[in-house]
Protein backbone atom coordinates (compact mmCIF):
# COMPACT_ATOMS: atom_id res chain seq x y z
CA MET A 1 88.76 75.27 117.39
CA ALA A 2 89.71 72.27 116.03
CA LYS A 3 89.82 69.21 118.42
CA LYS A 4 91.54 66.25 119.04
CA ASP A 5 89.57 63.09 119.72
CA ALA A 6 90.75 63.30 124.01
CA THR A 7 87.91 63.76 126.18
CA LYS A 8 88.34 66.76 128.29
CA ASN A 9 89.56 66.34 132.20
CA SER A 10 88.62 67.87 135.32
CA GLU A 11 87.24 71.28 135.26
CA ARG A 12 89.38 74.69 135.93
CA LYS A 13 87.07 78.00 137.61
CA PRO A 14 86.13 80.35 136.74
CA GLY A 15 84.01 78.28 134.62
CA GLY A 16 81.25 79.01 132.12
CA LYS A 17 78.49 77.34 130.14
CA SER A 18 80.16 74.49 127.46
CA GLY A 19 79.58 75.60 124.20
CA LYS A 20 78.56 79.00 125.15
CA LYS A 21 78.76 81.47 122.11
CA SER A 22 79.02 85.21 121.93
CA THR A 23 79.52 86.77 118.38
CA ARG A 24 82.17 89.57 118.05
CA PRO A 25 79.97 92.48 116.74
CA GLY A 26 80.19 93.17 112.83
CA ALA A 27 82.66 90.28 112.65
CA SER A 28 82.48 87.51 109.93
CA PRO A 29 80.92 84.22 111.74
CA VAL A 30 82.87 82.32 109.13
CA LEU A 31 86.96 81.71 110.20
CA SER A 32 86.63 84.35 113.44
CA GLU A 33 83.72 81.91 114.68
CA LEU A 34 85.79 78.45 114.10
CA LEU A 35 88.69 79.73 115.79
CA ARG A 36 87.29 81.68 118.61
CA VAL A 37 87.44 80.65 122.49
CA PRO A 38 83.33 81.06 123.20
CA GLU A 39 83.22 83.04 126.55
CA GLY A 40 83.21 81.26 129.76
CA GLU A 41 83.93 77.97 127.70
CA ARG A 42 86.75 75.91 129.38
CA VAL A 43 90.02 75.03 127.46
CA ASP A 44 91.81 72.15 126.70
CA LEU A 45 95.04 72.87 124.73
CA GLY A 46 95.67 69.32 124.77
CA GLY A 47 92.56 68.39 123.07
CA LEU A 48 92.91 70.94 120.04
CA ASP A 49 95.01 69.54 117.27
CA THR A 50 97.99 71.80 116.29
CA ARG A 51 98.24 70.42 112.52
CA ALA A 52 94.48 71.24 111.91
CA THR A 53 93.47 73.68 109.05
CA PRO A 54 90.17 74.76 110.09
CA GLY A 55 88.58 76.67 107.14
CA GLY A 56 91.77 76.46 105.26
CA PRO A 57 92.74 75.97 101.76
CA SER A 58 93.34 72.46 100.57
CA GLY A 59 97.09 72.22 101.09
CA LYS A 60 100.36 74.29 101.32
CA ALA A 61 100.56 75.35 97.92
CA ALA A 62 96.56 76.87 97.95
CA GLY A 63 97.42 78.27 100.99
CA LEU A 64 100.61 80.09 100.09
CA SER A 65 98.65 81.52 96.85
CA ALA A 66 95.61 82.38 99.08
CA THR A 67 97.54 83.93 101.29
CA ALA A 68 99.34 86.08 98.15
CA LEU A 69 95.74 86.91 96.73
CA LEU A 70 94.68 88.30 100.55
CA GLY A 71 97.63 90.89 100.06
CA GLU A 72 95.84 93.24 97.69
CA ARG A 73 92.52 93.22 99.67
CA LEU A 74 94.43 94.05 103.11
CA ALA A 75 96.67 96.57 101.65
CA GLU A 76 93.21 98.52 100.35
CA LEU A 77 91.41 98.36 103.54
CA GLN A 78 94.85 99.46 105.20
CA GLU A 79 95.10 102.67 103.38
CA ARG A 80 91.18 103.31 103.75
CA LEU A 81 91.58 102.82 107.87
CA TYR A 82 94.63 105.49 107.34
CA ALA A 83 93.05 108.00 105.38
CA ALA A 84 89.70 107.86 107.47
CA SER A 85 91.92 108.82 110.82
CA THR A 86 92.60 112.07 108.66
CA GLY A 87 89.16 113.06 108.48
CA GLY A 88 88.55 112.52 112.20
CA ASP A 89 87.36 108.65 112.56
CA ARG A 90 89.65 107.36 115.54
CA ARG A 91 89.43 103.68 114.85
CA ARG A 92 92.18 101.37 114.69
CA LEU A 93 93.20 97.61 115.01
CA LEU A 94 95.80 95.93 117.32
CA LEU A 95 96.74 92.51 116.93
CA VAL A 96 98.04 90.45 120.02
CA LEU A 97 100.58 87.54 119.25
CA GLN A 98 101.22 85.11 121.96
CA GLY A 99 102.54 81.97 121.66
CA MET A 100 105.57 79.46 123.29
CA ASP A 101 109.06 80.21 122.07
CA THR A 102 108.95 79.42 117.99
CA SER A 103 105.56 79.54 117.85
CA GLY A 104 105.64 81.94 114.90
CA LYS A 105 105.20 85.29 116.27
CA GLY A 106 108.19 86.86 114.24
CA GLY A 107 107.08 85.04 110.97
CA THR A 108 103.65 86.34 111.22
CA VAL A 109 104.90 89.83 111.34
CA LYS A 110 107.25 88.84 108.88
CA HIS A 111 104.90 87.09 105.98
CA VAL A 112 101.59 88.76 107.22
CA ILE A 113 102.43 92.50 108.28
CA GLY A 114 104.70 92.19 105.28
CA LEU A 115 101.25 93.03 103.25
CA PHE A 116 100.60 96.12 104.69
CA ASN A 117 102.31 99.30 104.31
CA PRO A 118 105.04 99.52 106.92
CA SER A 119 103.93 103.16 107.50
CA GLY A 120 100.94 102.49 108.88
CA CYS A 121 101.89 99.45 111.39
CA ARG A 122 103.21 100.37 114.58
CA ILE A 123 105.10 96.96 116.01
CA LYS A 124 106.35 96.18 119.38
CA ALA A 125 108.06 93.16 120.83
CA PHE A 126 107.90 93.04 124.25
CA LYS A 127 110.57 91.54 126.52
CA THR A 128 111.54 91.36 129.98
CA PRO A 129 110.31 94.70 131.78
CA THR A 130 113.16 97.09 132.44
CA ALA A 131 113.67 98.83 135.83
CA GLU A 132 112.05 101.76 134.69
CA GLU A 133 108.64 99.94 133.51
CA LEU A 134 108.61 97.77 137.10
CA ASN A 135 108.32 100.77 138.58
CA HIS A 136 104.72 101.21 137.11
CA PRO A 137 101.72 99.13 136.97
CA PHE A 138 101.93 96.40 134.63
CA LEU A 139 99.61 98.12 131.94
CA TRP A 140 101.73 100.99 131.86
CA ARG A 141 104.25 99.67 129.26
CA VAL A 142 101.59 98.40 127.05
CA ILE A 143 99.51 102.04 126.82
CA LYS A 144 102.26 103.61 125.47
CA ALA A 145 102.84 101.42 122.67
CA LEU A 146 99.04 101.15 121.37
CA PRO A 147 98.35 102.32 117.96
CA GLU A 148 97.24 105.77 116.83
CA PRO A 149 93.82 106.35 114.88
CA GLY A 150 94.52 104.80 111.53
CA GLU A 151 97.18 102.65 112.42
CA ILE A 152 97.37 98.74 112.59
CA GLY A 153 99.28 97.89 115.74
CA ILE A 154 101.17 94.72 116.46
CA PHE A 155 101.92 93.13 119.59
CA ASP A 156 104.74 90.51 119.69
CA ARG A 157 104.24 88.93 123.01
CA SER A 158 102.25 91.78 125.19
CA HIS A 159 100.08 92.35 128.39
CA TYR A 160 99.68 88.58 128.90
CA GLU A 161 103.19 87.88 129.95
CA ASP A 162 102.28 89.50 132.95
CA VAL A 163 99.87 86.55 133.78
CA LEU A 164 101.69 84.02 132.06
CA ILE A 165 105.30 84.21 132.70
CA ALA A 166 104.47 85.78 136.12
CA ARG A 167 102.15 82.83 136.88
CA VAL A 168 104.65 80.16 135.63
CA ARG A 169 107.60 81.82 137.29
CA GLU A 170 105.64 82.76 140.34
CA LEU A 171 106.87 86.27 139.78
CA VAL A 172 103.90 87.87 141.55
CA PRO A 173 101.30 86.67 144.36
CA ARG A 174 98.64 84.63 143.41
CA SER A 175 95.96 87.13 144.91
CA GLN A 176 97.81 89.87 142.82
CA LEU A 177 97.66 87.48 139.78
CA GLY A 178 94.53 86.67 139.75
CA ARG A 179 93.44 90.37 140.13
CA ARG A 180 95.21 90.97 136.99
CA TYR A 181 93.00 88.97 134.49
CA GLY A 182 89.86 91.71 135.39
CA GLN A 183 92.24 94.20 135.05
CA ILE A 184 93.15 93.13 131.63
CA ASN A 185 89.40 92.48 130.89
CA ARG A 186 88.79 95.97 131.60
CA PHE A 187 91.52 97.67 130.10
CA GLU A 188 90.78 95.57 126.72
CA ARG A 189 86.88 96.82 126.83
CA THR A 190 88.06 100.36 127.23
CA LEU A 191 90.44 99.88 124.16
CA ASN A 192 87.28 98.88 122.61
CA ASP A 193 85.38 101.89 123.68
CA ASP A 194 87.87 104.04 122.16
CA GLY A 195 87.64 102.74 119.09
CA VAL A 196 90.68 99.62 118.82
CA THR A 197 89.47 96.58 117.17
CA VAL A 198 91.25 94.04 119.25
CA VAL A 199 92.56 90.65 117.37
CA LYS A 200 94.24 88.25 119.91
CA CYS A 201 95.58 85.11 118.28
CA PHE A 202 97.46 82.33 120.44
CA LEU A 203 99.73 80.37 118.13
CA HIS A 204 99.22 76.69 119.55
CA ILE A 205 102.15 74.40 118.90
CA SER A 206 103.19 70.98 119.46
CA PRO A 207 106.49 70.12 122.04
CA ASP A 208 107.52 68.25 119.22
CA ALA A 209 107.04 70.88 116.78
CA GLN A 210 108.80 73.41 119.05
CA ARG A 211 111.58 70.55 119.57
CA ASP A 212 112.09 70.60 115.57
CA ARG A 213 112.36 74.32 115.34
CA LEU A 214 114.81 74.60 117.95
CA LEU A 215 117.03 71.94 116.80
CA GLU A 216 116.81 73.49 113.53
CA ARG A 217 118.08 76.64 114.92
CA LEU A 218 121.43 74.85 116.73
CA ASP A 219 121.88 73.06 113.44
CA ARG A 220 121.86 76.47 111.19
CA PRO A 221 124.61 78.81 112.05
CA ASP A 222 122.44 81.28 110.36
CA LYS A 223 119.90 80.80 112.88
CA HIS A 224 121.96 80.96 116.19
CA TRP A 225 121.22 84.38 116.48
CA LYS A 226 117.46 83.18 117.43
CA PHE A 227 118.77 80.52 120.13
CA ASN A 228 118.94 80.91 123.63
CA PRO A 229 119.93 78.59 126.25
CA THR A 230 117.11 79.82 128.17
CA ASP A 231 115.10 78.04 125.77
CA ILE A 232 115.45 74.99 127.01
CA ASP A 233 114.65 75.84 130.34
CA GLU A 234 111.23 76.93 129.67
CA ARG A 235 110.59 74.35 127.56
CA ALA A 236 110.91 72.26 130.53
CA LEU A 237 108.14 74.14 132.24
CA TRP A 238 105.62 73.27 128.97
CA PRO A 239 102.93 71.86 131.28
CA ALA A 240 103.04 74.67 133.31
CA TYR A 241 102.67 77.35 130.45
CA GLN A 242 100.11 75.10 128.92
CA GLU A 243 97.93 75.59 132.05
CA ALA A 244 98.68 79.46 132.34
CA TYR A 245 97.81 79.40 129.01
CA GLU A 246 94.35 77.80 129.15
CA ILE A 247 93.51 80.05 132.15
CA ALA A 248 94.19 83.02 130.28
CA LEU A 249 92.22 82.34 127.16
CA GLU A 250 89.11 81.20 129.61
CA ARG A 251 89.05 84.10 131.46
CA CYS A 252 89.65 86.81 128.98
CA SER A 253 88.02 85.65 125.86
CA THR A 254 84.99 88.11 125.98
CA PRO A 255 82.74 89.44 123.45
CA VAL A 256 84.81 92.80 122.72
CA ALA A 257 87.98 90.81 122.85
CA PRO A 258 88.06 87.35 121.94
CA TRP A 259 90.83 85.08 122.05
CA TYR A 260 91.74 82.93 118.66
CA VAL A 261 93.45 80.00 119.12
CA ILE A 262 95.41 79.37 115.77
CA PRO A 263 96.71 75.71 114.84
CA ALA A 264 100.54 76.64 114.20
CA ASP A 265 102.32 73.48 113.37
CA ARG A 266 101.97 74.29 109.51
CA LYS A 267 103.37 77.78 108.93
CA TRP A 268 101.57 78.29 105.80
CA TYR A 269 98.41 77.75 107.70
CA ARG A 270 99.13 79.82 110.48
CA ASN A 271 99.80 82.80 108.12
CA TRP A 272 96.57 82.31 105.85
CA ALA A 273 94.39 82.33 109.09
CA ILE A 274 95.39 85.41 110.44
CA SER A 275 95.65 87.31 107.19
CA LYS A 276 91.92 85.82 106.78
CA LEU A 277 91.07 87.01 110.38
CA LEU A 278 92.46 90.42 109.87
CA LEU A 279 90.71 90.85 106.58
CA GLU A 280 87.13 89.72 108.32
CA HIS A 281 87.93 92.38 111.32
CA LEU A 282 88.80 95.20 108.81
CA GLU A 283 85.98 94.43 106.38
CA ALA A 284 83.68 94.55 109.47
CA LEU A 285 85.18 98.39 110.25
CA ASP A 286 84.66 99.15 106.55
CA PRO A 287 86.55 102.51 106.82
CA ALA A 288 85.35 104.64 104.25
CA TYR A 289 87.81 107.47 102.54
CA PRO A 290 86.79 111.20 103.97
CA LYS A 291 85.33 113.86 101.41
CA ALA A 292 87.21 116.43 100.38
CA ASP A 293 87.00 119.51 102.93
CA PHE A 294 87.88 121.87 99.89
CA ASP A 295 86.18 122.42 96.57
CA VAL A 296 87.33 119.63 94.29
CA ALA A 297 86.44 121.23 91.20
CA ALA A 298 87.41 125.04 91.77
CA CYS A 299 91.12 123.33 92.62
CA ARG A 300 90.92 121.54 89.63
CA GLU A 301 90.04 124.62 87.47
CA ARG A 302 92.92 126.46 88.77
CA LEU A 303 95.45 123.62 88.21
CA LEU A 304 94.23 123.38 84.46
CA ARG A 305 94.97 127.08 84.40
CA GLN A 306 98.49 126.94 84.67
CA GLY A 307 98.55 124.73 81.84
């Protein structure tokens, strides 16, 4: 994680040994290690540079070109993953996108997921829970939206809303809130055991970048539909949200489902970094086309006889 010069302040529970690293089995150590939140390490978002470009191309033009070049390889791996499922391979990938308003969750879906074949993707944007959803445990609606074998799932917001806005807005008792971190970790471990590779990305922007993006939405009539006056109210709670994110990142970055902090002030870097992370994880999966369950030579001969 790219850090600012500012030193860290007081510790927060639960803690861990600072600098402790845990390598995700099969993952490339390149960008995954640069952006990963080490298990048990304290997170200070204020000390992380939102304009940094760790491991990235030299600038915007190079970044846009590099992202485009990743598209062909990503599409190939996606096709192999989908094809493998027809042969009984239950593996799939779930991309979790979290961040403050305007951090680029929708932009990521547009510019990164657009590199894939949409027929093999399952996209879910989580909004305020419905009355029916509130009548169930908080993970109920998440389980319903999980990708099927061979698919790539994308969560625009996720089950983490239940320890983020729920904490900031005090929607549930703190005792219940505290239990949810453990429930999330157990849930994600179960997903991993069932063949789901979970890639969790926190899109880290600065207050200045958010203000500029909100102003752009107000200044451009074609972006008014993306603005809600409540965005200003939520922005006033910035410190509380940052603390809630820090706690979630600390408590829920595990070897099987680590968090990655993506500096997101530069949109081109955000898109390149997430594309690269997805590529690293798909290459680690290395899905294979299934072998034919029929006699290829006989079918070819029959086809040629038809003329």
